[in-house]
Amino acid sequence: MKNDKAMRWPYGIALSFVLIIGLIYGTIVVSLDYPVEQSDDNLQNYHVYDKYANGFIQKQIEFDRLYQFSYIADPITPERSVLKYKLTDKEGVPLNNATIKAMVTRPDTHQFDIEVTEFTVEDGIYTSAPIALPKEGRWNIIAHVVVNEHERYLNLKADTRYPQTDEY
């Protein structure tokens, strides 16, 4: 009888060890099924954005002091979405010499990213070719504009299910 009680501890330790290994394995399996996506803030991964956040903010303040940059397109739809931005100086004079790069991305995955680099320009209005979105739902539209040495990012959140809703 005394011998049976002495054997409980090794079995308990072995069972605890097997349970811990099983939980570790389960955690790995779940994390591979649901990966953590990189941040889309200012088209940077979160390490770069965190490291240079103050610089991004300072550049935005300098840009806003000289220029007015805004999103003016119709609401986005899954079938046909056109990105349209207006760029002027502070006096309202249209600027046609900027470089704009935009990314249309889902907030939870990079699987459906659409990069837009070609814009036609007329009177300070930059218009992209129509793009088709592969899924309905929430989308982030991130634009990066560069005028001379000044640059700014503009982040827009939109939803194809509620086309009149957007958020800067």
Protein backbone atom coordinates (compact mmCIF):
# COMPACT_ATOMS: atom_id res chain seq x y z
CA MET A 1 0.00 0.00 0.00
CA LYS A 2 2.86 2.31 0.87
CA ASN A 3 4.42 1.59 -2.49
CA ASP A 4 1.24 2.73 -4.40
CA LYS A 5 1.33 6.18 -2.79
CA ALA A 6 5.00 6.56 -3.63
CA MET A 7 4.26 5.94 -7.35
CA ARG A 8 1.68 8.77 -7.60
CA TRP A 9 4.30 11.55 -7.82
CA PRO A 10 6.18 10.23 -10.87
CA TYR A 11 2.88 9.64 -12.71
CA GLY A 12 1.67 13.13 -11.78
CA ILE A 13 4.89 14.73 -12.97
CA ALA A 14 4.85 12.72 -16.24
CA LEU A 15 1.17 13.56 -16.84
CA SER A 16 1.85 17.27 -16.17
CA PHE A 17 4.79 17.19 -18.58
CA VAL A 18 2.65 15.57 -21.32
CA LEU A 19 -0.15 18.10 -20.68
CA ILE A 20 2.25 21.06 -20.96
CA ILE A 21 3.72 19.70 -24.21
CA GLY A 22 0.16 19.24 -25.56
CA LEU A 23 -0.78 22.82 -24.67
CA ILE A 24 2.37 24.16 -26.32
CA TYR A 25 1.59 22.16 -29.46
CA GLY A 26 -2.02 23.42 -29.44
CA THR A 27 -0.85 27.03 -29.12
CA ILE A 28 1.49 26.64 -32.09
CA VAL A 29 -1.22 25.07 -34.25
CA VAL A 30 -3.72 27.84 -33.43
CA SER A 31 -1.15 30.61 -34.02
CA LEU A 32 -0.27 29.18 -37.45
CA ASP A 33 -3.96 29.11 -38.39
CA TYR A 34 -4.47 32.74 -37.31
CA PRO A 35 -1.25 34.65 -38.03
CA VAL A 36 -0.65 38.18 -36.80
CA GLU A 37 -0.58 40.61 -39.71
CA GLN A 38 1.76 43.56 -40.01
CA SER A 39 0.42 47.04 -39.37
CA ASP A 40 -0.47 49.23 -42.35
CA ASP A 41 0.19 52.56 -40.66
CA ASN A 42 1.79 54.82 -43.27
CA LEU A 43 2.56 51.83 -45.50
CA GLN A 44 5.22 50.72 -43.02
CA ASN A 45 5.60 47.67 -40.87
CA TYR A 46 4.99 48.39 -37.23
CA HIS A 47 8.69 48.34 -36.27
CA VAL A 48 9.54 51.14 -38.71
CA TYR A 49 6.39 53.11 -37.86
CA ASP A 50 7.04 52.90 -34.11
CA LYS A 51 10.68 53.88 -34.53
CA TYR A 52 9.98 56.91 -36.76
CA ALA A 53 6.46 57.93 -35.64
CA ASN A 54 7.57 61.41 -34.56
CA GLY A 55 9.26 61.97 -37.92
CA PHE A 56 6.09 60.95 -39.78
CA ILE A 57 4.03 63.35 -37.68
CA GLN A 58 6.51 66.20 -38.22
CA LYS A 59 6.51 65.63 -41.99
CA GLN A 60 2.71 65.65 -42.01
CA ILE A 61 2.64 68.98 -40.12
CA GLU A 62 5.13 70.51 -42.58
CA PHE A 63 3.14 69.21 -45.57
CA ASP A 64 -0.17 70.50 -44.16
CA ARG A 65 1.41 73.92 -43.64
CA LEU A 66 2.02 74.19 -47.40
CA TYR A 67 -0.55 71.99 -49.15
CA GLN A 68 -4.12 70.72 -48.99
CA PHE A 69 -4.52 67.00 -49.82
CA SER A 70 -7.88 65.23 -49.66
CA TYR A 71 -9.79 62.18 -50.90
CA ILE A 72 -12.70 63.20 -53.15
CA ALA A 73 -13.80 59.99 -54.89
CA ASP A 74 -17.18 58.36 -54.90
CA PRO A 75 -17.75 55.58 -52.34
CA ILE A 76 -15.91 52.34 -53.03
CA THR A 77 -17.76 49.31 -54.37
CA PRO A 78 -16.55 45.76 -54.98
CA GLU A 79 -17.14 45.96 -58.74
CA ARG A 80 -15.62 49.33 -59.60
CA SER A 81 -13.71 51.63 -57.30
CA VAL A 82 -11.87 54.74 -58.42
CA LEU A 83 -9.40 56.50 -56.15
CA LYS A 84 -9.45 60.27 -56.57
CA TYR A 85 -7.40 62.82 -54.64
CA LYS A 86 -7.26 66.60 -54.81
CA LEU A 87 -3.98 68.41 -54.21
CA THR A 88 -3.64 72.20 -53.99
CA ASP A 89 -1.39 74.65 -52.28
CA LYS A 90 -2.77 76.77 -49.42
CA GLU A 91 -3.97 79.46 -51.87
CA GLY A 92 -6.05 76.86 -53.77
CA VAL A 93 -3.76 76.61 -56.80
CA PRO A 94 -3.87 73.04 -58.18
CA LEU A 95 -0.60 71.08 -58.15
CA ASN A 96 0.07 68.58 -60.91
CA ASN A 97 3.67 67.63 -60.06
CA ALA A 98 3.17 65.27 -57.12
CA THR A 99 3.87 61.56 -56.89
CA ILE A 100 1.07 59.51 -55.34
CA LYS A 101 1.17 55.86 -54.35
CA ALA A 102 -1.91 54.20 -52.83
CA MET A 103 -2.59 50.83 -51.23
CA VAL A 104 -6.05 49.32 -50.89
CA THR A 105 -5.89 46.62 -48.24
CA ARG A 106 -8.05 44.66 -45.85
CA PRO A 107 -7.54 45.54 -42.17
CA ASP A 108 -6.99 41.92 -41.15
CA THR A 109 -4.92 40.42 -43.96
CA HIS A 110 -2.49 41.32 -46.73
CA GLN A 111 -3.83 38.60 -49.01
CA PHE A 112 -5.95 41.04 -51.07
CA ASP A 113 -3.61 44.07 -51.22
CA ILE A 114 -3.96 46.21 -54.32
CA GLU A 115 -1.19 48.72 -55.02
CA VAL A 116 -2.11 51.72 -57.17
CA THR A 117 0.74 53.80 -58.59
CA GLU A 118 -0.70 55.10 -61.87
CA PHE A 119 -2.83 58.25 -61.62
CA THR A 120 -3.97 60.64 -64.31
CA VAL A 121 -3.72 64.31 -63.32
CA GLU A 122 -5.93 67.20 -64.32
CA ASP A 123 -6.20 70.49 -62.40
CA GLY A 124 -4.73 69.00 -59.24
CA ILE A 125 -7.11 66.02 -59.26
CA TYR A 126 -5.32 62.67 -59.33
CA THR A 127 -7.54 59.85 -60.60
CA SER A 128 -6.73 56.12 -60.67
CA ALA A 129 -8.03 53.58 -63.13
CA PRO A 130 -11.03 51.62 -61.80
CA ILE A 131 -10.10 48.68 -59.59
CA ALA A 132 -12.19 45.67 -58.62
CA LEU A 133 -12.15 44.61 -54.99
CA PRO A 134 -12.12 40.82 -54.51
CA LYS A 135 -14.32 40.86 -51.38
CA GLU A 136 -17.03 42.91 -49.77
CA GLY A 137 -16.45 44.48 -46.40
CA ARG A 138 -13.98 46.80 -44.73
CA TRP A 139 -11.03 48.23 -46.64
CA ASN A 140 -8.22 50.60 -45.77
CA ILE A 141 -7.10 53.05 -48.44
CA ILE A 142 -3.66 54.41 -47.65
CA ALA A 143 -2.14 57.11 -49.86
CA HIS A 144 1.38 58.50 -49.84
CA VAL A 145 1.90 61.82 -51.61
CA VAL A 146 5.27 63.45 -52.27
CA VAL A 147 5.63 67.06 -53.48
CA ASN A 148 9.25 68.12 -53.85
CA GLU A 149 10.81 67.10 -50.50
CA HIS A 150 7.50 67.19 -48.58
CA GLU A 151 5.46 64.07 -48.00
CA ARG A 152 2.27 62.99 -46.27
CA TYR A 153 0.21 59.86 -45.69
CA LEU A 154 -3.58 59.85 -45.80
CA ASN A 155 -5.44 56.89 -44.30
CA LEU A 156 -9.08 56.25 -45.13
CA LYS A 157 -11.29 53.47 -43.80
CA ALA A 158 -14.21 52.43 -46.00
CA ASP A 159 -16.79 49.66 -46.15
CA THR A 160 -18.38 48.36 -49.35
CA ARG A 161 -21.46 47.20 -47.42
CA TYR A 162 -22.13 50.78 -46.29
CA PRO A 163 -20.89 52.86 -49.23
CA GLN A 164 -21.72 56.27 -47.78
CA THR A 165 -19.53 55.61 -44.74
CA ASP A 166 -15.87 56.52 -44.65
CA GLU A 167 -13.52 57.63 -41.91
CA TYR A 168 -10.21 59.47 -41.97
